[in-house]
Amino acid sequence: MRLATLNLLNGMSLSDRSVTPSCLADAVRELRADVVGLQEVDRGQPRSHSADLTAQVADTMDAAHWKFVPALVGTPGFDWRAATENDHDGTEASYGIGLVSRWPVLSWHVTRLSAASVRSPIVLPGSKQVVWLEDEPRVGLAAVVETPIGVMTVATTHLSFVPVWNGVQLRTFTADLARLPGPRVLLGDLNMPPPFPRLLSGWQVLARVATYPAWEPKLQLDHVLGSGPLPPVLAVESPELAVSDHRALLVQF
């Protein structure tokens, strides 16, 4: 069993800032994952050629079970509104998270996570420039999956970059996940370093490795957390892929 999380950076290659289906496909093939949680995912955005990136990942994995859930409708950083349940199958340009599974999904569950009400300082990657950014709404997506070890819940999310608020979101989402069948695995960009994911959620840490920035990782922002009787972790991988400013994070059971 191979479970992975990947912040897509809307499918962008850092080598030339382009977005191409072939680069995304190469990245997905390298993971060889059975289930992958995706963050910073575009659907219908001009910057990614109006593609449905979750669908592209599912096609590359030959996976019949997948779902994209928008956190916002419009263009991130410009003109957007918070997405609602009515936007799940909409045709407007949107941005959010996705989950793709080779194994059958019995049910899908969505948790809406509101944005922080304050702006937060962010240091731009590769520079010392600090900008104050408005937070965006977030979302959590969980799938109850039939796996080789039986029914389990696999979830993904991309939490706020605002300190403390992302902790509130993590506790909210893991409380919702506790209502779903175990064991449970959370794959995501939590925007917080260790030991906060464990301290705030009470879940097991299944992978300890720096993932950001991709070219010279210094921080672990991407995490795999577990709850319940999971099999032993046999291997942890954090490859630099053809896309994204994050490294993927993968655990093999």
C-alpha atoms as a PDB file:
ATOM      1  CA  MET A   1       0.000   0.000   0.000  1.00  0.00           C
ATOM      2  CA  ARG A   2       1.435   3.352  -1.082  1.00  0.00           C
ATOM      3  CA  LEU A   3      -0.258   6.570   0.065  1.00  0.00           C
ATOM      4  CA  ALA A   4       1.056   9.980  -1.002  1.00  0.00           C
ATOM      5  CA  THR A   5       0.446  13.690  -0.589  1.00  0.00           C
ATOM      6  CA  LEU A   6       1.471  16.271  -3.175  1.00  0.00           C
ATOM      7  CA  ASN A   7       1.023  20.041  -3.270  1.00  0.00           C
ATOM      8  CA  LEU A   8       0.730  20.507  -7.049  1.00  0.00           C
ATOM      9  CA  LEU A   9       1.437  24.258  -7.287  1.00  0.00           C
ATOM     10  CA  ASN A  10      -1.263  24.116 -10.028  1.00  0.00           C
ATOM     11  CA  GLY A  11       0.940  21.655 -11.955  1.00  0.00           C
ATOM     12  CA  MET A  12       3.758  24.140 -12.517  1.00  0.00           C
ATOM     13  CA  SER A  13       7.300  23.082 -13.336  1.00  0.00           C
ATOM     14  CA  LEU A  14       9.855  25.265 -11.561  1.00  0.00           C
ATOM     15  CA  SER A  15      12.428  24.715 -14.312  1.00  0.00           C
ATOM     16  CA  ASP A  16      10.568  26.929 -16.809  1.00  0.00           C
ATOM     17  CA  ARG A  17       7.341  27.984 -14.955  1.00  0.00           C
ATOM     18  CA  SER A  18       5.269  26.051 -17.500  1.00  0.00           C
ATOM     19  CA  VAL A  19       2.231  23.840 -16.907  1.00  0.00           C
ATOM     20  CA  THR A  20       2.177  20.781 -19.161  1.00  0.00           C
ATOM     21  CA  PRO A  21       0.258  17.497 -18.900  1.00  0.00           C
ATOM     22  CA  SER A  22       3.431  15.511 -19.590  1.00  0.00           C
ATOM     23  CA  CYS A  23       5.263  16.963 -16.568  1.00  0.00           C
ATOM     24  CA  LEU A  24       2.318  16.239 -14.292  1.00  0.00           C
ATOM     25  CA  ALA A  25       2.041  12.704 -15.656  1.00  0.00           C
ATOM     26  CA  ASP A  26       5.761  12.096 -15.084  1.00  0.00           C
ATOM     27  CA  ALA A  27       5.419  13.243 -11.467  1.00  0.00           C
ATOM     28  CA  VAL A  28       2.419  11.007 -10.814  1.00  0.00           C
ATOM     29  CA  ARG A  29       4.073   7.951 -12.383  1.00  0.00           C
ATOM     30  CA  GLU A  30       7.143   8.429 -10.196  1.00  0.00           C
ATOM     31  CA  LEU A  31       4.987   8.219  -7.063  1.00  0.00           C
ATOM     32  CA  ARG A  32       3.430   4.844  -7.961  1.00  0.00           C
ATOM     33  CA  ALA A  33       0.780   5.637  -5.356  1.00  0.00           C
ATOM     34  CA  ASP A  34      -2.435   3.743  -4.709  1.00  0.00           C
ATOM     35  CA  VAL A  35      -4.063   6.812  -3.157  1.00  0.00           C
ATOM     36  CA  VAL A  36      -2.840  10.396  -3.508  1.00  0.00           C
ATOM     37  CA  GLY A  37      -4.044  13.562  -1.801  1.00  0.00           C
ATOM     38  CA  LEU A  38      -3.580  16.724  -3.889  1.00  0.00           C
ATOM     39  CA  GLN A  39      -3.405  20.368  -2.839  1.00  0.00           C
ATOM     40  CA  GLU A  40      -3.268  23.653  -4.809  1.00  0.00           C
ATOM     41  CA  VAL A  41      -5.315  22.011  -7.554  1.00  0.00           C
ATOM     42  CA  ASP A  42      -6.798  23.897 -10.506  1.00  0.00           C
ATOM     43  CA  ARG A  43      -9.962  23.163 -12.439  1.00  0.00           C
ATOM     44  CA  GLY A  44     -10.777  25.329 -15.433  1.00  0.00           C
ATOM     45  CA  GLN A  45      -8.042  27.906 -14.685  1.00  0.00           C
ATOM     46  CA  PRO A  46      -6.430  29.699 -17.668  1.00  0.00           C
ATOM     47  CA  ARG A  47      -2.980  29.395 -16.043  1.00  0.00           C
ATOM     48  CA  SER A  48      -3.249  25.591 -16.299  1.00  0.00           C
ATOM     49  CA  HIS A  49      -4.900  25.580 -19.757  1.00  0.00           C
ATOM     50  CA  SER A  50      -8.412  25.201 -18.289  1.00  0.00           C
ATOM     51  CA  ALA A  51      -7.609  21.591 -17.360  1.00  0.00           C
ATOM     52  CA  ASP A  52      -9.102  19.496 -14.589  1.00  0.00           C
ATOM     53  CA  LEU A  53      -5.840  18.523 -12.865  1.00  0.00           C
ATOM     54  CA  THR A  54      -7.441  15.940 -10.573  1.00  0.00           C
ATOM     55  CA  ALA A  55      -8.879  14.185 -13.606  1.00  0.00           C
ATOM     56  CA  GLN A  56      -5.443  14.218 -15.249  1.00  0.00           C
ATOM     57  CA  VAL A  57      -3.872  12.622 -12.168  1.00  0.00           C
ATOM     58  CA  ALA A  58      -6.619   9.969 -12.072  1.00  0.00           C
ATOM     59  CA  ASP A  59      -6.113   9.210 -15.760  1.00  0.00           C
ATOM     60  CA  THR A  60      -2.366   8.769 -15.272  1.00  0.00           C
ATOM     61  CA  MET A  61      -2.947   6.460 -12.281  1.00  0.00           C
ATOM     62  CA  ASP A  62      -5.662   4.564 -14.175  1.00  0.00           C
ATOM     63  CA  ALA A  63      -7.838   5.235 -11.127  1.00  0.00           C
ATOM     64  CA  ALA A  64     -11.621   5.167 -11.456  1.00  0.00           C
ATOM     65  CA  HIS A  65     -12.296   6.840  -8.106  1.00  0.00           C
ATOM     66  CA  TRP A  66     -11.450  10.503  -7.666  1.00  0.00           C
ATOM     67  CA  LYS A  67     -12.922  13.790  -6.538  1.00  0.00           C
ATOM     68  CA  PHE A  68     -12.023  17.474  -6.743  1.00  0.00           C
ATOM     69  CA  VAL A  69     -13.473  19.879  -4.179  1.00  0.00           C
ATOM     70  CA  PRO A  70     -13.051  23.641  -4.702  1.00  0.00           C
ATOM     71  CA  ALA A  71     -12.073  25.863  -1.812  1.00  0.00           C
ATOM     72  CA  LEU A  72     -12.726  28.952  -3.898  1.00  0.00           C
ATOM     73  CA  VAL A  73     -14.235  29.921  -7.248  1.00  0.00           C
ATOM     74  CA  GLY A  74     -12.288  32.401  -9.358  1.00  0.00           C
ATOM     75  CA  THR A  75      -8.563  33.106  -9.488  1.00  0.00           C
ATOM     76  CA  PRO A  76      -6.477  32.721  -6.294  1.00  0.00           C
ATOM     77  CA  GLY A  77      -4.855  36.008  -5.315  1.00  0.00           C
ATOM     78  CA  PHE A  78      -7.145  38.038  -7.561  1.00  0.00           C
ATOM     79  CA  ASP A  79     -10.928  37.882  -7.973  1.00  0.00           C
ATOM     80  CA  TRP A  80     -12.537  34.980  -6.112  1.00  0.00           C
ATOM     81  CA  ARG A  81     -15.340  33.927  -3.784  1.00  0.00           C
ATOM     82  CA  ALA A  82     -15.589  31.107  -1.272  1.00  0.00           C
ATOM     83  CA  ALA A  83     -16.869  27.901  -2.833  1.00  0.00           C
ATOM     84  CA  THR A  84     -20.009  26.173  -1.575  1.00  0.00           C
ATOM     85  CA  GLU A  85     -21.462  22.688  -1.943  1.00  0.00           C
ATOM     86  CA  ASN A  86     -23.207  23.888  -5.120  1.00  0.00           C
ATOM     87  CA  ASP A  87     -19.817  24.445  -6.789  1.00  0.00           C
ATOM     88  CA  HIS A  88     -18.555  20.847  -6.602  1.00  0.00           C
ATOM     89  CA  ASP A  89     -19.594  20.054 -10.166  1.00  0.00           C
ATOM     90  CA  GLY A  90     -19.601  23.623 -11.471  1.00  0.00           C
ATOM     91  CA  THR A  91     -18.079  24.873 -14.693  1.00  0.00           C
ATOM     92  CA  GLU A  92     -16.486  28.067 -13.321  1.00  0.00           C
ATOM     93  CA  ALA A  93     -12.728  28.291 -12.829  1.00  0.00           C
ATOM     94  CA  SER A  94     -11.920  27.006  -9.338  1.00  0.00           C
ATOM     95  CA  TYR A  95      -9.105  25.997  -7.016  1.00  0.00           C
ATOM     96  CA  GLY A  96      -8.949  23.489  -4.188  1.00  0.00           C
ATOM     97  CA  ILE A  97      -7.954  19.933  -3.328  1.00  0.00           C
ATOM     98  CA  GLY A  98      -8.348  16.484  -4.832  1.00  0.00           C
ATOM     99  CA  LEU A  99      -8.187  12.843  -3.811  1.00  0.00           C
ATOM    100  CA  VAL A 100      -7.506   9.988  -6.229  1.00  0.00           C
ATOM    101  CA  SER A 101      -7.805   6.280  -5.386  1.00  0.00           C
ATOM    102  CA  ARG A 102      -7.110   3.095  -7.319  1.00  0.00           C
ATOM    103  CA  TRP A 103      -9.297   1.315  -4.784  1.00  0.00           C
ATOM    104  CA  PRO A 104     -13.111   1.578  -4.579  1.00  0.00           C
ATOM    105  CA  VAL A 105     -14.473   4.563  -2.650  1.00  0.00           C
ATOM    106  CA  LEU A 106     -17.609   3.778  -0.645  1.00  0.00           C
ATOM    107  CA  SER A 107     -18.404   7.379   0.312  1.00  0.00           C
ATOM    108  CA  TRP A 108     -17.025  10.926   0.146  1.00  0.00           C
ATOM    109  CA  HIS A 109     -17.112  13.497   2.960  1.00  0.00           C
ATOM    110  CA  VAL A 110     -16.346  17.230   2.805  1.00  0.00           C
ATOM    111  CA  THR A 111     -15.486  19.623   5.648  1.00  0.00           C
ATOM    112  CA  ARG A 112     -15.535  23.368   4.928  1.00  0.00           C
ATOM    113  CA  LEU A 113     -12.904  25.363   6.858  1.00  0.00           C
ATOM    114  CA  SER A 114     -13.305  29.134   7.010  1.00  0.00           C
ATOM    115  CA  ALA A 115     -10.503  31.609   6.337  1.00  0.00           C
ATOM    116  CA  ALA A 116      -8.737  33.549   9.061  1.00  0.00           C
ATOM    117  CA  SER A 117     -10.047  37.082   9.482  1.00  0.00           C
ATOM    118  CA  VAL A 118      -6.553  38.643   9.525  1.00  0.00           C
ATOM    119  CA  ARG A 119      -3.781  39.093   6.973  1.00  0.00           C
ATOM    120  CA  SER A 120      -0.531  37.278   7.646  1.00  0.00           C
ATOM    121  CA  PRO A 121       3.096  38.024   6.656  1.00  0.00           C
ATOM    122  CA  ILE A 122       4.602  35.566   4.167  1.00  0.00           C
ATOM    123  CA  VAL A 123       8.223  35.393   2.979  1.00  0.00           C
ATOM    124  CA  LEU A 124       8.266  34.786  -0.778  1.00  0.00           C
ATOM    125  CA  PRO A 125      10.156  31.605  -1.788  1.00  0.00           C
ATOM    126  CA  GLY A 126      13.678  32.283  -2.991  1.00  0.00           C
ATOM    127  CA  SER A 127      13.781  35.813  -1.577  1.00  0.00           C
ATOM    128  CA  LYS A 128      13.595  37.772   1.644  1.00  0.00           C
ATOM    129  CA  GLN A 129      10.616  39.825   0.511  1.00  0.00           C
ATOM    130  CA  VAL A 130       7.723  39.825   2.955  1.00  0.00           C
ATOM    131  CA  VAL A 131       4.163  40.337   1.757  1.00  0.00           C
ATOM    132  CA  TRP A 132       0.932  40.520   3.740  1.00  0.00           C
ATOM    133  CA  LEU A 133      -1.627  38.106   2.323  1.00  0.00           C
ATOM    134  CA  GLU A 134      -5.340  37.719   2.838  1.00  0.00           C
ATOM    135  CA  ASP A 135      -6.232  34.188   3.881  1.00  0.00           C
ATOM    136  CA  GLU A 136      -8.442  31.978   1.726  1.00  0.00           C
ATOM    137  CA  PRO A 137     -11.106  29.464   2.720  1.00  0.00           C
ATOM    138  CA  ARG A 138      -9.920  25.885   3.021  1.00  0.00           C
ATOM    139  CA  VAL A 139     -11.545  22.490   2.669  1.00  0.00           C
ATOM    140  CA  GLY A 140     -10.989  18.917   3.826  1.00  0.00           C
ATOM    141  CA  LEU A 141     -11.927  15.866   1.765  1.00  0.00           C
ATOM    142  CA  ALA A 142     -12.217  12.310   3.070  1.00  0.00           C
ATOM    143  CA  ALA A 143     -12.934   9.024   1.317  1.00  0.00           C
ATOM    144  CA  VAL A 144     -14.039   5.774   2.941  1.00  0.00           C
ATOM    145  CA  VAL A 145     -12.019   3.302   0.897  1.00  0.00           C
ATOM    146  CA  GLU A 146     -11.957  -0.469   0.410  1.00  0.00           C
ATOM    147  CA  THR A 147      -8.249  -1.320   0.705  1.00  0.00           C
ATOM    148  CA  PRO A 148      -6.230  -4.556   0.893  1.00  0.00           C
ATOM    149  CA  ILE A 149      -6.388  -4.319   4.711  1.00  0.00           C
ATOM    150  CA  GLY A 150     -10.125  -3.618   4.750  1.00  0.00           C
ATOM    151  CA  VAL A 151     -12.220  -0.470   4.956  1.00  0.00           C
ATOM    152  CA  MET A 152     -10.368   2.646   6.063  1.00  0.00           C
ATOM    153  CA  THR A 153     -10.665   6.432   5.753  1.00  0.00           C
ATOM    154  CA  VAL A 154      -8.134   8.406   3.715  1.00  0.00           C
ATOM    155  CA  ALA A 155      -8.330  12.204   3.773  1.00  0.00           C
ATOM    156  CA  THR A 156      -6.538  15.255   2.463  1.00  0.00           C
ATOM    157  CA  THR A 157      -6.490  18.979   3.185  1.00  0.00           C
ATOM    158  CA  HIS A 158      -4.488  22.173   2.661  1.00  0.00           C
ATOM    159  CA  LEU A 159      -4.602  24.301   5.789  1.00  0.00           C
ATOM    160  CA  SER A 160      -4.175  28.041   6.269  1.00  0.00           C
ATOM    161  CA  PHE A 161      -0.730  29.646   6.384  1.00  0.00           C
ATOM    162  CA  VAL A 162      -1.924  31.741   9.365  1.00  0.00           C
ATOM    163  CA  PRO A 163      -0.390  30.381  12.595  1.00  0.00           C
ATOM    164  CA  VAL A 164      -2.849  29.219  15.275  1.00  0.00           C
ATOM    165  CA  TRP A 165      -5.738  29.370  12.781  1.00  0.00           C
ATOM    166  CA  ASN A 166      -4.344  26.359  10.923  1.00  0.00           C
ATOM    167  CA  GLY A 167      -4.302  24.559  14.271  1.00  0.00           C
ATOM    168  CA  VAL A 168      -7.998  25.327  14.734  1.00  0.00           C
ATOM    169  CA  GLN A 169      -8.670  23.957  11.255  1.00  0.00           C
ATOM    170  CA  LEU A 170      -6.676  20.785  11.933  1.00  0.00           C
ATOM    171  CA  ARG A 171      -8.588  20.070  15.127  1.00  0.00           C
ATOM    172  CA  THR A 172     -11.904  20.717  13.369  1.00  0.00           C
ATOM    173  CA  PHE A 173     -11.096  18.389  10.492  1.00  0.00           C
ATOM    174  CA  THR A 174      -9.688  15.547  12.582  1.00  0.00           C
ATOM    175  CA  ALA A 175     -12.760  15.736  14.837  1.00  0.00           C
ATOM    176  CA  ASP A 176     -14.911  15.213  11.736  1.00  0.00           C
ATOM    177  CA  LEU A 177     -12.687  12.347  10.584  1.00  0.00           C
ATOM    178  CA  ALA A 178     -13.089  10.622  13.951  1.00  0.00           C
ATOM    179  CA  ARG A 179     -16.729   9.960  12.993  1.00  0.00           C
ATOM    180  CA  LEU A 180     -15.660   7.935   9.938  1.00  0.00           C
ATOM    181  CA  PRO A 181     -14.477   4.297   9.856  1.00  0.00           C
ATOM    182  CA  GLY A 182     -10.951   3.617  11.040  1.00  0.00           C
ATOM    183  CA  PRO A 183      -8.130   3.219  10.659  1.00  0.00           C
ATOM    184  CA  ARG A 184      -7.617   6.721   9.229  1.00  0.00           C
ATOM    185  CA  VAL A 185      -4.815   8.441   7.327  1.00  0.00           C
ATOM    186  CA  LEU A 186      -4.568  12.180   6.722  1.00  0.00           C
ATOM    187  CA  LEU A 187      -2.420  13.287   3.775  1.00  0.00           C
ATOM    188  CA  GLY A 188      -1.869  17.004   3.394  1.00  0.00           C
ATOM    189  CA  ASP A 189      -0.060  20.298   3.328  1.00  0.00           C
ATOM    190  CA  LEU A 190      -0.786  21.422   6.876  1.00  0.00           C
ATOM    191  CA  ASN A 191       1.354  24.576   6.671  1.00  0.00           C
ATOM    192  CA  MET A 192       2.903  23.854  10.051  1.00  0.00           C
ATOM    193  CA  PRO A 193       6.131  22.134  11.102  1.00  0.00           C
ATOM    194  CA  PRO A 194       6.542  19.336  13.640  1.00  0.00           C
ATOM    195  CA  PRO A 195       5.639  18.774  16.407  1.00  0.00           C
ATOM    196  CA  PHE A 196       2.416  20.780  16.002  1.00  0.00           C
ATOM    197  CA  PRO A 197       0.449  18.314  13.818  1.00  0.00           C
ATOM    198  CA  ARG A 198       0.875  15.591  16.431  1.00  0.00           C
ATOM    199  CA  LEU A 199       0.288  17.856  19.418  1.00  0.00           C
ATOM    200  CA  LEU A 200      -2.843  19.432  17.962  1.00  0.00           C
ATOM    201  CA  SER A 201      -4.438  16.300  16.481  1.00  0.00           C
ATOM    202  CA  GLY A 202      -3.217  13.538  18.781  1.00  0.00           C
ATOM    203  CA  TRP A 203      -2.656  11.386  15.679  1.00  0.00           C
ATOM    204  CA  GLN A 204       0.411   9.265  14.914  1.00  0.00           C
ATOM    205  CA  VAL A 205       3.199  10.802  12.828  1.00  0.00           C
ATOM    206  CA  LEU A 206       3.854   8.360   9.967  1.00  0.00           C
ATOM    207  CA  ALA A 207       6.607  10.315   8.180  1.00  0.00           C
ATOM    208  CA  ARG A 208       9.299  12.688   9.429  1.00  0.00           C
ATOM    209  CA  VAL A 209      11.151  14.402   6.586  1.00  0.00           C
ATOM    210  CA  ALA A 210      11.559  17.962   5.288  1.00  0.00           C
ATOM    211  CA  THR A 211       9.485  18.695   2.174  1.00  0.00           C
ATOM    212  CA  TYR A 212       9.818  22.451   1.501  1.00  0.00           C
ATOM    213  CA  PRO A 213      11.231  24.039  -0.558  1.00  0.00           C
ATOM    214  CA  ALA A 214      11.606  21.227  -3.086  1.00  0.00           C
ATOM    215  CA  TRP A 215      15.097  22.214  -4.246  1.00  0.00           C
ATOM    216  CA  GLU A 216      16.592  22.340  -0.728  1.00  0.00           C
ATOM    217  CA  PRO A 217      14.102  21.147   1.878  1.00  0.00           C
ATOM    218  CA  LYS A 218      14.370  22.778   5.293  1.00  0.00           C
ATOM    219  CA  LEU A 219      10.805  22.498   6.636  1.00  0.00           C
ATOM    220  CA  GLN A 220       8.245  19.757   6.862  1.00  0.00           C
ATOM    221  CA  LEU A 221       4.949  21.351   5.851  1.00  0.00           C
ATOM    222  CA  ASP A 222       3.526  18.213   4.224  1.00  0.00           C
ATOM    223  CA  HIS A 223       2.482  15.425   6.555  1.00  0.00           C
ATOM    224  CA  VAL A 224       1.062  11.922   6.773  1.00  0.00           C
ATOM    225  CA  LEU A 225      -0.797  11.324  10.030  1.00  0.00           C
ATOM    226  CA  GLY A 226      -2.546   8.161  11.183  1.00  0.00           C
ATOM    227  CA  SER A 227      -5.243   7.199  13.652  1.00  0.00           C
ATOM    228  CA  GLY A 228      -6.194   3.673  14.649  1.00  0.00           C
ATOM    229  CA  PRO A 229      -4.643   0.240  14.031  1.00  0.00           C
ATOM    230  CA  LEU A 230      -2.522   0.771  10.908  1.00  0.00           C
ATOM    231  CA  PRO A 231       0.058  -1.734   9.608  1.00  0.00           C
ATOM    232  CA  PRO A 232       3.750  -0.876  10.063  1.00  0.00           C
ATOM    233  CA  VAL A 233       5.270   1.752   7.787  1.00  0.00           C
ATOM    234  CA  LEU A 234       7.860  -0.027   5.629  1.00  0.00           C
ATOM    235  CA  ALA A 235       9.246   2.996   3.792  1.00  0.00           C
ATOM    236  CA  VAL A 236       8.988   6.792   3.594  1.00  0.00           C
ATOM    237  CA  GLU A 237       9.852   8.661   0.393  1.00  0.00           C
ATOM    238  CA  SER A 238      10.061  12.381  -0.342  1.00  0.00           C
ATOM    239  CA  PRO A 239      11.007  12.760  -4.019  1.00  0.00           C
ATOM    240  CA  GLU A 240      11.577  16.016  -5.865  1.00  0.00           C
ATOM    241  CA  LEU A 241       9.229  15.780  -8.839  1.00  0.00           C
ATOM    242  CA  ALA A 242       8.826  17.451 -12.209  1.00  0.00           C
ATOM    243  CA  VAL A 243       6.224  19.826 -10.741  1.00  0.00           C
ATOM    244  CA  SER A 244       5.738  21.933  -7.580  1.00  0.00           C
ATOM    245  CA  ASP A 245       7.818  23.850  -5.056  1.00  0.00           C
ATOM    246  CA  HIS A 246       7.050  21.099  -2.501  1.00  0.00           C
ATOM    247  CA  ARG A 247       8.412  17.591  -2.462  1.00  0.00           C
ATOM    248  CA  ALA A 248       5.859  14.826  -2.416  1.00  0.00           C
ATOM    249  CA  LEU A 249       5.596  12.733   0.739  1.00  0.00           C
ATOM    250  CA  LEU A 250       4.782   9.027   0.481  1.00  0.00           C
ATOM    251  CA  VAL A 251       4.439   6.198   2.958  1.00  0.00           C
ATOM    252  CA  GLN A 252       4.415   2.516   2.112  1.00  0.00           C
ATOM    253  CA  PHE A 253       2.657   0.079   4.437  1.00  0.00           C
END
